Amino acid sequence: MIKNVLTDIGGVGIYGVISICLFFAVFAGALFLTARMTKPFADKMGSLPLDDGEPARKGVSHE
């Protein structure tokens, strides 16, 4: 049934081309942003999930 629906729609082949182009554009953009990222920024963003938002207190043990 789905095959018959898709064959009756005119120009349905262009959707595949558009989706591949869109995927490639997003992937290329992600690679570009990753290549431009600096090491300090990457370290800061990498430790962000572990940061609880409070400044570190010296001399306080978590145990």
PDB file of N, CA and C in Angstrom:
ATOM      1  N   MET A   1       0.811  -1.186   0.000  1.00  0.00           N
ATOM      2  CA  MET A   1       0.000   0.000   0.000  1.00  0.00           C
ATOM      3  C   MET A   1       0.860   1.258   0.000  1.00  0.00           C
ATOM      4  N   ILE A   2       1.879   1.294   0.840  1.00  0.00           N
ATOM      5  CA  ILE A   2       2.753   2.469   0.906  1.00  0.00           C
ATOM      6  C   ILE A   2       3.467   2.665  -0.432  1.00  0.00           C
ATOM      7  N   LYS A   3       3.867   1.580  -1.060  1.00  0.00           N
ATOM      8  CA  LYS A   3       4.550   1.671  -2.346  1.00  0.00           C
ATOM      9  C   LYS A   3       3.646   2.340  -3.375  1.00  0.00           C
ATOM     10  N   ASN A   4       2.382   1.998  -3.393  1.00  0.00           N
ATOM     11  CA  ASN A   4       1.451   2.599  -4.337  1.00  0.00           C
ATOM     12  C   ASN A   4       1.230   4.079  -4.048  1.00  0.00           C
ATOM     13  N   VAL A   5       1.195   4.444  -2.792  1.00  0.00           N
ATOM     14  CA  VAL A   5       1.000   5.848  -2.432  1.00  0.00           C
ATOM     15  C   VAL A   5       2.193   6.668  -2.898  1.00  0.00           C
ATOM     16  N   LEU A   6       3.393   6.176  -2.644  1.00  0.00           N
ATOM     17  CA  LEU A   6       4.591   6.917  -3.012  1.00  0.00           C
ATOM     18  C   LEU A   6       4.772   7.019  -4.520  1.00  0.00           C
ATOM     19  N   THR A   7       4.332   6.013  -5.270  1.00  0.00           N
ATOM     20  CA  THR A   7       4.473   6.093  -6.727  1.00  0.00           C
ATOM     21  C   THR A   7       3.460   7.053  -7.333  1.00  0.00           C
ATOM     22  N   ASP A   8       2.363   7.286  -6.666  1.00  0.00           N
ATOM     23  CA  ASP A   8       1.351   8.206  -7.186  1.00  0.00           C
ATOM     24  C   ASP A   8       1.687   9.670  -6.913  1.00  0.00           C
ATOM     25  N   ILE A   9       2.566   9.914  -5.967  1.00  0.00           N
ATOM     26  CA  ILE A   9       2.961  11.294  -5.665  1.00  0.00           C
ATOM     27  C   ILE A   9       4.018  11.712  -6.670  1.00  0.00           C
ATOM     28  N   GLY A  10       3.787  12.807  -7.361  1.00  0.00           N
ATOM     29  CA  GLY A  10       4.747  13.297  -8.341  1.00  0.00           C
ATOM     30  C   GLY A  10       5.916  14.002  -7.678  1.00  0.00           C
ATOM     31  N   GLY A  11       7.115  13.747  -8.142  1.00  0.00           N
ATOM     32  CA  GLY A  11       8.305  14.421  -7.629  1.00  0.00           C
ATOM     33  C   GLY A  11       8.759  13.953  -6.271  1.00  0.00           C
ATOM     34  N   VAL A  12       8.398  12.728  -5.876  1.00  0.00           N
ATOM     35  CA  VAL A  12       8.777  12.243  -4.556  1.00  0.00           C
ATOM     36  C   VAL A  12      10.279  11.951  -4.468  1.00  0.00           C
ATOM     37  N   GLY A  13      10.944  11.775  -5.590  1.00  0.00           N
ATOM     38  CA  GLY A  13      12.383  11.498  -5.592  1.00  0.00           C
ATOM     39  C   GLY A  13      13.218  12.660  -5.099  1.00  0.00           C
ATOM     40  N   ILE A  14      12.715  13.869  -5.230  1.00  0.00           N
ATOM     41  CA  ILE A  14      13.462  15.048  -4.802  1.00  0.00           C
ATOM     42  C   ILE A  14      13.613  15.097  -3.280  1.00  0.00           C
ATOM     43  N   TYR A  15      12.688  14.469  -2.545  1.00  0.00           N
ATOM     44  CA  TYR A  15      12.778  14.467  -1.086  1.00  0.00           C
ATOM     45  C   TYR A  15      14.017  13.714  -0.599  1.00  0.00           C
ATOM     46  N   GLY A  16      14.391  12.662  -1.282  1.00  0.00           N
ATOM     47  CA  GLY A  16      15.612  11.938  -0.924  1.00  0.00           C
ATOM     48  C   GLY A  16      16.845  12.786  -1.133  1.00  0.00           C
ATOM     49  N   VAL A  17      16.893  13.509  -2.236  1.00  0.00           N
ATOM     50  CA  VAL A  17      18.030  14.383  -2.526  1.00  0.00           C
ATOM     51  C   VAL A  17      18.099  15.510  -1.508  1.00  0.00           C
ATOM     52  N   ILE A  18      16.969  16.101  -1.175  1.00  0.00           N
ATOM     53  CA  ILE A  18      16.938  17.181  -0.187  1.00  0.00           C
ATOM     54  C   ILE A  18      17.386  16.679   1.179  1.00  0.00           C
ATOM     55  N   SER A  19      16.947  15.485   1.566  1.00  0.00           N
ATOM     56  CA  SER A  19      17.322  14.967   2.884  1.00  0.00           C
ATOM     57  C   SER A  19      18.820  14.657   2.956  1.00  0.00           C
ATOM     58  N   ILE A  20      19.400  14.132   1.887  1.00  0.00           N
ATOM     59  CA  ILE A  20      20.848  13.864   1.875  1.00  0.00           C
ATOM     60  C   ILE A  20      21.624  15.176   1.934  1.00  0.00           C
ATOM     61  N   CYS A  21      21.187  16.178   1.187  1.00  0.00           N
ATOM     62  CA  CYS A  21      21.862  17.476   1.211  1.00  0.00           C
ATOM     63  C   CYS A  21      21.760  18.124   2.590  1.00  0.00           C
ATOM     64  N   LEU A  22      20.600  18.035   3.209  1.00  0.00           N
ATOM     65  CA  LEU A  22      20.418  18.597   4.544  1.00  0.00           C
ATOM     66  C   LEU A  22      21.299  17.880   5.562  1.00  0.00           C
ATOM     67  N   PHE A  23      21.355  16.549   5.495  1.00  0.00           N
ATOM     68  CA  PHE A  23      22.212  15.794   6.402  1.00  0.00           C
ATOM     69  C   PHE A  23      23.671  16.180   6.209  1.00  0.00           C
ATOM     70  N   PHE A  24      24.105  16.280   4.956  1.00  0.00           N
ATOM     71  CA  PHE A  24      25.495  16.637   4.677  1.00  0.00           C
ATOM     72  C   PHE A  24      25.810  18.038   5.194  1.00  0.00           C
ATOM     73  N   ALA A  25      24.889  18.984   5.033  1.00  0.00           N
ATOM     74  CA  ALA A  25      25.113  20.351   5.498  1.00  0.00           C
ATOM     75  C   ALA A  25      25.249  20.398   7.020  1.00  0.00           C
ATOM     76  N   VAL A  26      24.402  19.688   7.734  1.00  0.00           N
ATOM     77  CA  VAL A  26      24.476  19.663   9.196  1.00  0.00           C
ATOM     78  C   VAL A  26      25.762  18.974   9.648  1.00  0.00           C
ATOM     79  N   PHE A  27      26.115  17.877   9.010  1.00  0.00           N
ATOM     80  CA  PHE A  27      27.340  17.156   9.363  1.00  0.00           C
ATOM     81  C   PHE A  27      28.568  18.016   9.088  1.00  0.00           C
ATOM     82  N   ALA A  28      28.609  18.690   7.950  1.00  0.00           N
ATOM     83  CA  ALA A  28      29.739  19.561   7.617  1.00  0.00           C
ATOM     84  C   ALA A  28      29.814  20.731   8.592  1.00  0.00           C
ATOM     85  N   GLY A  29      28.668  21.278   8.990  1.00  0.00           N
ATOM     86  CA  GLY A  29      28.659  22.359   9.968  1.00  0.00           C
ATOM     87  C   GLY A  29      29.195  21.915  11.316  1.00  0.00           C
ATOM     88  N   ALA A  30      28.820  20.716  11.741  1.00  0.00           N
ATOM     89  CA  ALA A  30      29.320  20.192  13.019  1.00  0.00           C
ATOM     90  C   ALA A  30      30.833  19.975  12.956  1.00  0.00           C
ATOM     91  N   LEU A  31      31.325  19.468  11.839  1.00  0.00           N
ATOM     92  CA  LEU A  31      32.774  19.293  11.690  1.00  0.00           C
ATOM     93  C   LEU A  31      33.503  20.629  11.694  1.00  0.00           C
ATOM     94  N   PHE A  32      32.922  21.621  11.036  1.00  0.00           N
ATOM     95  CA  PHE A  32      33.524  22.951  10.990  1.00  0.00           C
ATOM     96  C   PHE A  32      33.604  23.561  12.388  1.00  0.00           C
ATOM     97  N   LEU A  33      32.515  23.493  13.144  1.00  0.00           N
ATOM     98  CA  LEU A  33      32.518  24.053  14.500  1.00  0.00           C
ATOM     99  C   LEU A  33      33.489  23.301  15.419  1.00  0.00           C
ATOM    100  N   THR A  34      33.577  22.009  15.236  1.00  0.00           N
ATOM    101  CA  THR A  34      34.504  21.220  16.040  1.00  0.00           C
ATOM    102  C   THR A  34      35.949  21.568  15.710  1.00  0.00           C
ATOM    103  N   ALA A  35      36.234  21.790  14.440  1.00  0.00           N
ATOM    104  CA  ALA A  35      37.600  22.138  14.037  1.00  0.00           C
ATOM    105  C   ALA A  35      38.001  23.512  14.559  1.00  0.00           C
ATOM    106  N   ARG A  36      37.065  24.434  14.692  1.00  0.00           N
ATOM    107  CA  ARG A  36      37.361  25.787  15.161  1.00  0.00           C
ATOM    108  C   ARG A  36      37.387  25.890  16.682  1.00  0.00           C
ATOM    109  N   MET A  37      36.964  24.859  17.394  1.00  0.00           N
ATOM    110  CA  MET A  37      36.878  24.905  18.850  1.00  0.00           C
ATOM    111  C   MET A  37      38.277  24.922  19.470  1.00  0.00           C
ATOM    112  N   THR A  38      38.441  25.765  20.477  1.00  0.00           N
ATOM    113  CA  THR A  38      39.726  25.836  21.159  1.00  0.00           C
ATOM    114  C   THR A  38      39.776  24.813  22.294  1.00  0.00           C
ATOM    115  N   LYS A  39      40.979  24.462  22.692  1.00  0.00           N
ATOM    116  CA  LYS A  39      41.171  23.469  23.746  1.00  0.00           C
ATOM    117  C   LYS A  39      40.589  23.929  25.089  1.00  0.00           C
ATOM    118  N   PRO A  40      40.801  25.171  25.527  1.00  0.00           N
ATOM    119  CA  PRO A  40      40.186  25.590  26.807  1.00  0.00           C
ATOM    120  C   PRO A  40      38.658  25.541  26.772  1.00  0.00           C
ATOM    121  N   PHE A  41      38.076  25.922  25.651  1.00  0.00           N
ATOM    122  CA  PHE A  41      36.616  25.879  25.537  1.00  0.00           C
ATOM    123  C   PHE A  41      36.117  24.442  25.600  1.00  0.00           C
ATOM    124  N   ALA A  42      36.818  23.525  24.941  1.00  0.00           N
ATOM    125  CA  ALA A  42      36.430  22.117  24.960  1.00  0.00           C
ATOM    126  C   ALA A  42      36.550  21.543  26.374  1.00  0.00           C
ATOM    127  N   ASP A  43      37.604  21.910  27.090  1.00  0.00           N
ATOM    128  CA  ASP A  43      37.764  21.440  28.472  1.00  0.00           C
ATOM    129  C   ASP A  43      36.662  21.997  29.377  1.00  0.00           C
ATOM    130  N   LYS A  44      36.327  23.269  29.175  1.00  0.00           N
ATOM    131  CA  LYS A  44      35.269  23.889  29.982  1.00  0.00           C
ATOM    132  C   LYS A  44      33.924  23.222  29.720  1.00  0.00           C
ATOM    133  N   MET A  45      33.595  22.987  28.473  1.00  0.00           N
ATOM    134  CA  MET A  45      32.326  22.356  28.128  1.00  0.00           C
ATOM    135  C   MET A  45      32.305  20.887  28.552  1.00  0.00           C
ATOM    136  N   GLY A  46      33.467  20.241  28.535  1.00  0.00           N
ATOM    137  CA  GLY A  46      33.546  18.847  28.940  1.00  0.00           C
ATOM    138  C   GLY A  46      33.325  18.646  30.429  1.00  0.00           C
ATOM    139  N   SER A  47      33.727  19.619  31.224  1.00  0.00           N
ATOM    140  CA  SER A  47      33.550  19.498  32.673  1.00  0.00           C
ATOM    141  C   SER A  47      32.222  20.084  33.136  1.00  0.00           C
ATOM    142  N   LEU A  48      31.470  20.683  32.261  1.00  0.00           N
ATOM    143  CA  LEU A  48      30.214  21.325  32.630  1.00  0.00           C
ATOM    144  C   LEU A  48      29.186  20.372  33.238  1.00  0.00           C
ATOM    145  N   PRO A  49      29.015  19.145  32.729  1.00  0.00           N
ATOM    146  CA  PRO A  49      28.035  18.256  33.363  1.00  0.00           C
ATOM    147  C   PRO A  49      28.383  17.884  34.806  1.00  0.00           C
ATOM    148  N   LEU A  50      29.649  17.978  35.176  1.00  0.00           N
ATOM    149  CA  LEU A  50      30.068  17.624  36.529  1.00  0.00           C
ATOM    150  C   LEU A  50      30.031  18.819  37.477  1.00  0.00           C
ATOM    151  N   ASP A  51      29.828  20.012  36.939  1.00  0.00           N
ATOM    152  CA  ASP A  51      29.811  21.233  37.739  1.00  0.00           C
ATOM    153  C   ASP A  51      28.426  21.416  38.348  1.00  0.00           C
ATOM    154  N   ASP A  52      28.371  21.637  39.674  1.00  0.00           N
ATOM    155  CA  ASP A  52      27.077  21.811  40.328  1.00  0.00           C
ATOM    156  C   ASP A  52      26.709  23.285  40.490  1.00  0.00           C
ATOM    157  N   GLY A  53      27.545  24.189  39.991  1.00  0.00           N
ATOM    158  CA  GLY A  53      27.232  25.605  40.033  1.00  0.00           C
ATOM    159  C   GLY A  53      27.732  26.325  41.260  1.00  0.00           C
ATOM    160  N   GLU A  54      28.264  25.608  42.231  1.00  0.00           N
ATOM    161  CA  GLU A  54      28.782  26.223  43.448  1.00  0.00           C
ATOM    162  C   GLU A  54      30.300  26.276  43.375  1.00  0.00           C
ATOM    163  N   PRO A  55      30.899  27.358  43.894  1.00  0.00           N
ATOM    164  CA  PRO A  55      32.363  27.429  43.891  1.00  0.00           C
ATOM    165  C   PRO A  55      32.950  26.361  44.815  1.00  0.00           C
ATOM    166  N   ALA A  56      34.093  25.871  44.436  1.00  0.00           N
ATOM    167  CA  ALA A  56      34.753  24.825  45.225  1.00  0.00           C
ATOM    168  C   ALA A  56      35.233  25.399  46.561  1.00  0.00           C
ATOM    169  N   ARG A  57      34.972  24.668  47.643  1.00  0.00           N
ATOM    170  CA  ARG A  57      35.412  25.091  48.971  1.00  0.00           C
ATOM    171  C   ARG A  57      36.671  24.319  49.334  1.00  0.00           C
ATOM    172  N   LYS A  58      37.677  25.053  49.784  1.00  0.00           N
ATOM    173  CA  LYS A  58      38.932  24.425  50.126  1.00  0.00           C
ATOM    174  C   LYS A  58      38.850  23.780  51.505  1.00  0.00           C
ATOM    175  N   GLY A  59      39.461  22.627  51.630  1.00  0.00           N
ATOM    176  CA  GLY A  59      39.528  21.969  52.906  1.00  0.00           C
ATOM    177  C   GLY A  59      38.293  21.197  53.286  1.00  0.00           C
ATOM    178  N   VAL A  60      37.304  21.101  52.433  1.00  0.00           N
ATOM    179  CA  VAL A  60      36.068  20.368  52.750  1.00  0.00           C
ATOM    180  C   VAL A  60      36.132  19.015  52.059  1.00  0.00           C
ATOM    181  N   SER A  61      35.971  17.981  52.833  1.00  0.00           N
ATOM    182  CA  SER A  61      35.994  16.627  52.281  1.00  0.00           C
ATOM    183  C   SER A  61      34.575  16.157  51.996  1.00  0.00           C
ATOM    184  N   HIS A  62      34.423  15.378  50.978  1.00  0.00           N
ATOM    185  CA  HIS A  62      33.093  14.845  50.621  1.00  0.00           C
ATOM    186  C   HIS A  62      32.798  13.519  51.311  1.00  0.00           C
ATOM    187  N   GLU A  63      33.727  13.062  52.079  1.00  0.00           N
ATOM    188  CA  GLU A  63      33.526  11.758  52.726  1.00  0.00           C
ATOM    189  C   GLU A  63      32.916  11.901  54.085  1.00  0.00           C
TER     190      GLU A  63
END
